[in-house]
Amino acid sequence: EVALWTEVLSKDREQLMTFLASHSIQTE
């Protein structure tokens, strides 16, 4: 199989995405 994306699940998604963005890391 080909790992086209690194897909994750997190119950903390909103806080985690905000935290990553505050460190200039883009997520979708």
PDB file of all heavy atoms in Angstrom:
ATOM      1  N   GLU A   1       0.848  -1.188   0.000  1.00  0.00           N
ATOM      2  CA  GLU A   1       0.000   0.000   0.000  1.00  0.00           C
ATOM      3  C   GLU A   1       0.888   1.244   0.000  1.00  0.00           C
ATOM      4  O   GLU A   1       2.029   1.213   0.456  1.00  0.00           O
ATOM      5  CB  GLU A   1      -0.914   0.017   1.231  1.00  0.00           C
ATOM      6  CG  GLU A   1      -2.006  -1.018   1.180  1.00  0.00           C
ATOM      7  CD  GLU A   1      -2.970  -0.938   2.347  1.00  0.00           C
ATOM      8  OE1 GLU A   1      -2.861  -0.030   3.196  1.00  0.00           O
ATOM      9  OE2 GLU A   1      -3.834  -1.813   2.417  1.00  0.00           O
ATOM     10  N   VAL A   2       0.335   2.326  -0.504  1.00  0.00           N
ATOM     11  CA  VAL A   2       1.084   3.584  -0.579  1.00  0.00           C
ATOM     12  C   VAL A   2       0.503   4.567   0.442  1.00  0.00           C
ATOM     13  O   VAL A   2      -0.703   4.823   0.447  1.00  0.00           O
ATOM     14  CB  VAL A   2       1.010   4.187  -1.995  1.00  0.00           C
ATOM     15  CG1 VAL A   2       1.769   5.508  -2.062  1.00  0.00           C
ATOM     16  CG2 VAL A   2       1.557   3.195  -3.015  1.00  0.00           C
ATOM     17  N   ALA A   3       1.360   5.108   1.275  1.00  0.00           N
ATOM     18  CA  ALA A   3       0.957   6.071   2.308  1.00  0.00           C
ATOM     19  C   ALA A   3       0.919   7.472   1.690  1.00  0.00           C
ATOM     20  O   ALA A   3       1.793   8.300   1.934  1.00  0.00           O
ATOM     21  CB  ALA A   3       1.920   6.010   3.478  1.00  0.00           C
ATOM     22  N   LEU A   4      -0.107   7.723   0.876  1.00  0.00           N
ATOM     23  CA  LEU A   4      -0.202   9.030   0.225  1.00  0.00           C
ATOM     24  C   LEU A   4      -0.280  10.159   1.236  1.00  0.00           C
ATOM     25  O   LEU A   4       0.255  11.233   1.012  1.00  0.00           O
ATOM     26  CB  LEU A   4      -1.431   9.082  -0.686  1.00  0.00           C
ATOM     27  CG  LEU A   4      -1.393   8.187  -1.910  1.00  0.00           C
ATOM     28  CD1 LEU A   4      -2.712   8.273  -2.671  1.00  0.00           C
ATOM     29  CD2 LEU A   4      -0.227   8.561  -2.808  1.00  0.00           C
ATOM     30  N   TRP A   5      -0.968   9.915   2.353  1.00  0.00           N
ATOM     31  CA  TRP A   5      -1.118  10.901   3.414  1.00  0.00           C
ATOM     32  C   TRP A   5      -0.819  10.233   4.740  1.00  0.00           C
ATOM     33  O   TRP A   5      -0.965   9.027   4.894  1.00  0.00           O
ATOM     34  CB  TRP A   5      -2.546  11.450   3.457  1.00  0.00           C
ATOM     35  CG  TRP A   5      -2.960  12.115   2.201  1.00  0.00           C
ATOM     36  CD1 TRP A   5      -2.653  13.383   1.797  1.00  0.00           C
ATOM     37  CD2 TRP A   5      -3.764  11.564   1.159  1.00  0.00           C
ATOM     38  NE1 TRP A   5      -3.212  13.650   0.577  1.00  0.00           N
ATOM     39  CE2 TRP A   5      -3.901  12.540   0.158  1.00  0.00           C
ATOM     40  CE3 TRP A   5      -4.381  10.329   0.961  1.00  0.00           C
ATOM     41  CZ2 TRP A   5      -4.626  12.336  -1.000  1.00  0.00           C
ATOM     42  CZ3 TRP A   5      -5.089  10.130  -0.195  1.00  0.00           C
ATOM     43  CH2 TRP A   5      -5.215  11.121  -1.155  1.00  0.00           C
ATOM     44  N   THR A   6      -0.447  11.052   5.698  1.00  0.00           N
ATOM     45  CA  THR A   6      -0.343  10.569   7.075  1.00  0.00           C
ATOM     46  C   THR A   6      -1.594  11.078   7.776  1.00  0.00           C
ATOM     47  O   THR A   6      -1.683  12.237   8.178  1.00  0.00           O
ATOM     48  CB  THR A   6       0.940  11.064   7.757  1.00  0.00           C
ATOM     49  OG1 THR A   6       2.062  10.595   6.996  1.00  0.00           O
ATOM     50  CG2 THR A   6       1.041  10.529   9.171  1.00  0.00           C
ATOM     51  N   GLU A   7      -2.573  10.193   7.871  1.00  0.00           N
ATOM     52  CA  GLU A   7      -3.875  10.524   8.438  1.00  0.00           C
ATOM     53  C   GLU A   7      -3.909  10.095   9.897  1.00  0.00           C
ATOM     54  O   GLU A   7      -3.489   8.995  10.240  1.00  0.00           O
ATOM     55  CB  GLU A   7      -4.978   9.796   7.676  1.00  0.00           C
ATOM     56  CG  GLU A   7      -5.016  10.167   6.198  1.00  0.00           C
ATOM     57  CD  GLU A   7      -5.950   9.280   5.408  1.00  0.00           C
ATOM     58  OE1 GLU A   7      -5.872   8.044   5.550  1.00  0.00           O
ATOM     59  OE2 GLU A   7      -6.765   9.835   4.645  1.00  0.00           O
ATOM     60  N   VAL A   8      -4.428  10.988  10.739  1.00  0.00           N
ATOM     61  CA  VAL A   8      -4.486  10.705  12.165  1.00  0.00           C
ATOM     62  C   VAL A   8      -5.863  11.053  12.717  1.00  0.00           C
ATOM     63  O   VAL A   8      -6.611  11.829  12.117  1.00  0.00           O
ATOM     64  CB  VAL A   8      -3.388  11.475  12.946  1.00  0.00           C
ATOM     65  CG1 VAL A   8      -1.996  11.042  12.523  1.00  0.00           C
ATOM     66  CG2 VAL A   8      -3.544  12.973  12.787  1.00  0.00           C
ATOM     67  N   LEU A   9      -6.153  10.474  13.863  1.00  0.00           N
ATOM     68  CA  LEU A   9      -7.350  10.803  14.625  1.00  0.00           C
ATOM     69  C   LEU A   9      -6.915  11.312  15.984  1.00  0.00           C
ATOM     70  O   LEU A   9      -5.951  10.796  16.573  1.00  0.00           O
ATOM     71  CB  LEU A   9      -8.239   9.579  14.820  1.00  0.00           C
ATOM     72  CG  LEU A   9      -8.809   8.900  13.587  1.00  0.00           C
ATOM     73  CD1 LEU A   9      -9.580   7.647  13.980  1.00  0.00           C
ATOM     74  CD2 LEU A   9      -9.689   9.851  12.798  1.00  0.00           C
ATOM     75  N   SER A  10      -7.629  12.310  16.494  1.00  0.00           N
ATOM     76  CA  SER A  10      -7.363  12.799  17.839  1.00  0.00           C
ATOM     77  C   SER A  10      -8.629  13.415  18.417  1.00  0.00           C
ATOM     78  O   SER A  10      -9.277  14.241  17.767  1.00  0.00           O
ATOM     79  CB  SER A  10      -6.245  13.843  17.833  1.00  0.00           C
ATOM     80  OG  SER A  10      -6.036  14.330  19.146  1.00  0.00           O
ATOM     81  N   LYS A  11      -8.967  13.012  19.630  1.00  0.00           N
ATOM     82  CA  LYS A  11     -10.088  13.640  20.334  1.00  0.00           C
ATOM     83  C   LYS A  11      -9.739  15.085  20.670  1.00  0.00           C
ATOM     84  O   LYS A  11     -10.626  15.895  20.910  1.00  0.00           O
ATOM     85  CB  LYS A  11     -10.448  12.847  21.590  1.00  0.00           C
ATOM     86  CG  LYS A  11     -11.054  11.503  21.276  1.00  0.00           C
ATOM     87  CD  LYS A  11     -11.391  10.724  22.515  1.00  0.00           C
ATOM     88  CE  LYS A  11     -11.958   9.365  22.119  1.00  0.00           C
ATOM     89  NZ  LYS A  11     -12.232   8.509  23.269  1.00  0.00           N
ATOM     90  N   ASP A  12      -8.451  15.411  20.688  1.00  0.00           N
ATOM     91  CA  ASP A  12      -7.959  16.766  20.940  1.00  0.00           C
ATOM     92  C   ASP A  12      -7.757  17.544  19.638  1.00  0.00           C
ATOM     93  O   ASP A  12      -7.004  18.516  19.619  1.00  0.00           O
ATOM     94  CB  ASP A  12      -6.593  16.714  21.648  1.00  0.00           C
ATOM     95  CG  ASP A  12      -6.635  16.138  23.040  1.00  0.00           C
ATOM     96  OD1 ASP A  12      -7.732  15.854  23.553  1.00  0.00           O
ATOM     97  OD2 ASP A  12      -5.554  15.969  23.627  1.00  0.00           O
ATOM     98  N   ARG A  13      -8.393  17.133  18.555  1.00  0.00           N
ATOM     99  CA  ARG A  13      -8.052  17.666  17.237  1.00  0.00           C
ATOM    100  C   ARG A  13      -7.987  19.191  17.184  1.00  0.00           C
ATOM    101  O   ARG A  13      -6.998  19.748  16.708  1.00  0.00           O
ATOM    102  CB  ARG A  13      -9.032  17.172  16.172  1.00  0.00           C
ATOM    103  CG  ARG A  13      -8.677  17.734  14.784  1.00  0.00           C
ATOM    104  CD  ARG A  13      -9.606  17.300  13.707  1.00  0.00           C
ATOM    105  NE  ARG A  13     -10.890  17.976  13.815  1.00  0.00           N
ATOM    106  CZ  ARG A  13     -11.887  17.778  12.984  1.00  0.00           C
ATOM    107  NH1 ARG A  13     -11.773  16.913  11.986  1.00  0.00           N
ATOM    108  NH2 ARG A  13     -13.023  18.413  13.129  1.00  0.00           N
ATOM    109  N   GLU A  14      -9.006  19.863  17.651  1.00  0.00           N
ATOM    110  CA  GLU A  14      -9.033  21.326  17.510  1.00  0.00           C
ATOM    111  C   GLU A  14      -7.883  21.979  18.270  1.00  0.00           C
ATOM    112  O   GLU A  14      -7.177  22.832  17.728  1.00  0.00           O
ATOM    113  CB  GLU A  14     -10.387  21.888  17.959  1.00  0.00           C
ATOM    114  CG  GLU A  14     -11.573  21.358  17.167  1.00  0.00           C
ATOM    115  CD  GLU A  14     -11.434  21.513  15.659  1.00  0.00           C
ATOM    116  OE1 GLU A  14     -10.969  22.568  15.189  1.00  0.00           O
ATOM    117  OE2 GLU A  14     -11.808  20.566  14.931  1.00  0.00           O
ATOM    118  N   GLN A  15      -7.671  21.568  19.528  1.00  0.00           N
ATOM    119  CA  GLN A  15      -6.573  22.129  20.325  1.00  0.00           C
ATOM    120  C   GLN A  15      -5.220  21.770  19.715  1.00  0.00           C
ATOM    121  O   GLN A  15      -4.305  22.585  19.682  1.00  0.00           O
ATOM    122  CB  GLN A  15      -6.608  21.624  21.768  1.00  0.00           C
ATOM    123  CG  GLN A  15      -7.890  21.837  22.509  1.00  0.00           C
ATOM    124  CD  GLN A  15      -8.833  20.645  22.402  1.00  0.00           C
ATOM    125  OE1 GLN A  15      -9.364  20.335  21.332  1.00  0.00           O
ATOM    126  NE2 GLN A  15      -9.074  19.964  23.505  1.00  0.00           N
ATOM    127  N   LEU A  16      -5.113  20.545  19.245  1.00  0.00           N
ATOM    128  CA  LEU A  16      -3.853  20.067  18.677  1.00  0.00           C
ATOM    129  C   LEU A  16      -3.530  20.793  17.377  1.00  0.00           C
ATOM    130  O   LEU A  16      -2.394  21.229  17.163  1.00  0.00           O
ATOM    131  CB  LEU A  16      -3.925  18.551  18.458  1.00  0.00           C
ATOM    132  CG  LEU A  16      -2.686  17.860  17.932  1.00  0.00           C
ATOM    133  CD1 LEU A  16      -1.447  18.197  18.750  1.00  0.00           C
ATOM    134  CD2 LEU A  16      -2.904  16.346  17.924  1.00  0.00           C
ATOM    135  N   MET A  17      -4.513  20.971  16.515  1.00  0.00           N
ATOM    136  CA  MET A  17      -4.272  21.696  15.269  1.00  0.00           C
ATOM    137  C   MET A  17      -3.901  23.153  15.555  1.00  0.00           C
ATOM    138  O   MET A  17      -3.032  23.722  14.892  1.00  0.00           O
ATOM    139  CB  MET A  17      -5.495  21.604  14.355  1.00  0.00           C
ATOM    140  CG  MET A  17      -5.692  20.218  13.754  1.00  0.00           C
ATOM    141  SD  MET A  17      -7.149  20.100  12.688  1.00  0.00           S
ATOM    142  CE  MET A  17      -6.599  21.058  11.273  1.00  0.00           C
ATOM    143  N   THR A  18      -4.531  23.746  16.545  1.00  0.00           N
ATOM    144  CA  THR A  18      -4.198  25.119  16.934  1.00  0.00           C
ATOM    145  C   THR A  18      -2.776  25.188  17.474  1.00  0.00           C
ATOM    146  O   THR A  18      -2.016  26.105  17.142  1.00  0.00           O
ATOM    147  CB  THR A  18      -5.205  25.638  17.986  1.00  0.00           C
ATOM    148  OG1 THR A  18      -6.512  25.634  17.401  1.00  0.00           O
ATOM    149  CG2 THR A  18      -4.856  27.033  18.465  1.00  0.00           C
ATOM    150  N   PHE A  19      -2.406  24.221  18.294  1.00  0.00           N
ATOM    151  CA  PHE A  19      -1.049  24.168  18.850  1.00  0.00           C
ATOM    152  C   PHE A  19      -0.024  24.024  17.726  1.00  0.00           C
ATOM    153  O   PHE A  19       0.988  24.732  17.704  1.00  0.00           O
ATOM    154  CB  PHE A  19      -0.935  23.000  19.836  1.00  0.00           C
ATOM    155  CG  PHE A  19       0.368  22.941  20.563  1.00  0.00           C
ATOM    156  CD1 PHE A  19       0.601  23.740  21.668  1.00  0.00           C
ATOM    157  CD2 PHE A  19       1.369  22.075  20.153  1.00  0.00           C
ATOM    158  CE1 PHE A  19       1.808  23.695  22.347  1.00  0.00           C
ATOM    159  CE2 PHE A  19       2.578  22.012  20.811  1.00  0.00           C
ATOM    160  CZ  PHE A  19       2.801  22.824  21.928  1.00  0.00           C
ATOM    161  N   LEU A  20      -0.267  23.122  16.799  1.00  0.00           N
ATOM    162  CA  LEU A  20       0.655  22.946  15.671  1.00  0.00           C
ATOM    163  C   LEU A  20       0.746  24.224  14.837  1.00  0.00           C
ATOM    164  O   LEU A  20       1.837  24.646  14.448  1.00  0.00           O
ATOM    165  CB  LEU A  20       0.222  21.752  14.816  1.00  0.00           C
ATOM    166  CG  LEU A  20       0.392  20.376  15.473  1.00  0.00           C
ATOM    167  CD1 LEU A  20      -0.358  19.308  14.693  1.00  0.00           C
ATOM    168  CD2 LEU A  20       1.851  20.007  15.612  1.00  0.00           C
ATOM    169  N   ALA A  21      -0.382  24.867  14.596  1.00  0.00           N
ATOM    170  CA  ALA A  21      -0.385  26.119  13.824  1.00  0.00           C
ATOM    171  C   ALA A  21       0.414  27.204  14.539  1.00  0.00           C
ATOM    172  O   ALA A  21       1.108  27.994  13.887  1.00  0.00           O
ATOM    173  CB  ALA A  21      -1.820  26.583  13.577  1.00  0.00           C
ATOM    174  N   SER A  22       0.352  27.222  15.870  1.00  0.00           N
ATOM    175  CA  SER A  22       1.116  28.223  16.633  1.00  0.00           C
ATOM    176  C   SER A  22       2.619  27.990  16.505  1.00  0.00           C
ATOM    177  O   SER A  22       3.413  28.874  16.836  1.00  0.00           O
ATOM    178  CB  SER A  22       0.699  28.218  18.108  1.00  0.00           C
ATOM    179  OG  SER A  22       1.218  27.091  18.787  1.00  0.00           O
ATOM    180  N   HIS A  23       3.000  26.810  16.023  1.00  0.00           N
ATOM    181  CA  HIS A  23       4.401  26.488  15.759  1.00  0.00           C
ATOM    182  C   HIS A  23       4.678  26.444  14.247  1.00  0.00           C
ATOM    183  O   HIS A  23       5.614  25.795  13.794  1.00  0.00           O
ATOM    184  CB  HIS A  23       4.769  25.148  16.405  1.00  0.00           C
ATOM    185  CG  HIS A  23       4.852  25.227  17.891  1.00  0.00           C
ATOM    186  ND1 HIS A  23       3.740  25.189  18.708  1.00  0.00           N
ATOM    187  CD2 HIS A  23       5.923  25.367  18.716  1.00  0.00           C
ATOM    188  CE1 HIS A  23       4.120  25.287  19.963  1.00  0.00           C
ATOM    189  NE2 HIS A  23       5.440  25.408  19.993  1.00  0.00           N
ATOM    190  N   SER A  24       3.822  27.125  13.487  1.00  0.00           N
ATOM    191  CA  SER A  24       3.949  27.232  12.022  1.00  0.00           C
ATOM    192  C   SER A  24       3.925  25.888  11.312  1.00  0.00           C
ATOM    193  O   SER A  24       4.620  25.675  10.318  1.00  0.00           O
ATOM    194  CB  SER A  24       5.225  28.005  11.648  1.00  0.00           C
ATOM    195  OG  SER A  24       5.199  29.295  12.207  1.00  0.00           O
ATOM    196  N   ILE A  25       3.101  24.973  11.826  1.00  0.00           N
ATOM    197  CA  ILE A  25       2.926  23.662  11.201  1.00  0.00           C
ATOM    198  C   ILE A  25       1.498  23.585  10.679  1.00  0.00           C
ATOM    199  O   ILE A  25       0.540  23.680  11.446  1.00  0.00           O
ATOM    200  CB  ILE A  25       3.221  22.519  12.194  1.00  0.00           C
ATOM    201  CG1 ILE A  25       4.685  22.572  12.613  1.00  0.00           C
ATOM    202  CG2 ILE A  25       2.860  21.170  11.582  1.00  0.00           C
ATOM    203  CD1 ILE A  25       5.047  21.630  13.728  1.00  0.00           C
ATOM    204  N   GLN A  26       1.391  23.422   9.375  1.00  0.00           N
ATOM    205  CA  GLN A  26       0.088  23.393   8.725  1.00  0.00           C
ATOM    206  C   GLN A  26      -0.477  21.981   8.727  1.00  0.00           C
ATOM    207  O   GLN A  26       0.222  21.013   8.413  1.00  0.00           O
ATOM    208  CB  GLN A  26       0.207  23.890   7.299  1.00  0.00           C
ATOM    209  CG  GLN A  26      -1.110  23.944   6.572  1.00  0.00           C
ATOM    210  CD  GLN A  26      -0.951  24.455   5.150  1.00  0.00           C
ATOM    211  OE1 GLN A  26       0.133  24.776   4.704  1.00  0.00           O
ATOM    212  NE2 GLN A  26      -2.064  24.520   4.434  1.00  0.00           N
ATOM    213  N   THR A  27      -1.747  21.865   9.089  1.00  0.00           N
ATOM    214  CA  THR A  27      -2.475  20.602   9.038  1.00  0.00           C
ATOM    215  C   THR A  27      -3.783  20.858   8.297  1.00  0.00           C
ATOM    216  O   THR A  27      -4.181  22.001   8.104  1.00  0.00           O
ATOM    217  CB  THR A  27      -2.767  20.066  10.448  1.00  0.00           C
ATOM    218  OG1 THR A  27      -3.500  21.055  11.183  1.00  0.00           O
ATOM    219  CG2 THR A  27      -1.485  19.726  11.193  1.00  0.00           C
ATOM    220  N   GLU A  28      -4.445  19.789   7.910  1.00  0.00           N
ATOM    221  CA  GLU A  28      -5.734  19.896   7.224  1.00  0.00           C
ATOM    222  C   GLU A  28      -6.701  18.873   7.804  1.00  0.00           C
ATOM    223  O   GLU A  28      -6.332  17.722   8.021  1.00  0.00           O
ATOM    224  CB  GLU A  28      -5.577  19.627   5.724  1.00  0.00           C
ATOM    225  CG  GLU A  28      -4.742  20.641   4.981  1.00  0.00           C
ATOM    226  CD  GLU A  28      -5.413  21.994   4.850  1.00  0.00           C
ATOM    227  OE1 GLU A  28      -6.662  22.043   4.821  1.00  0.00           O
ATOM    228  OE2 GLU A  28      -4.686  22.996   4.778  1.00  0.00           O
TER     229      GLU A  28
END
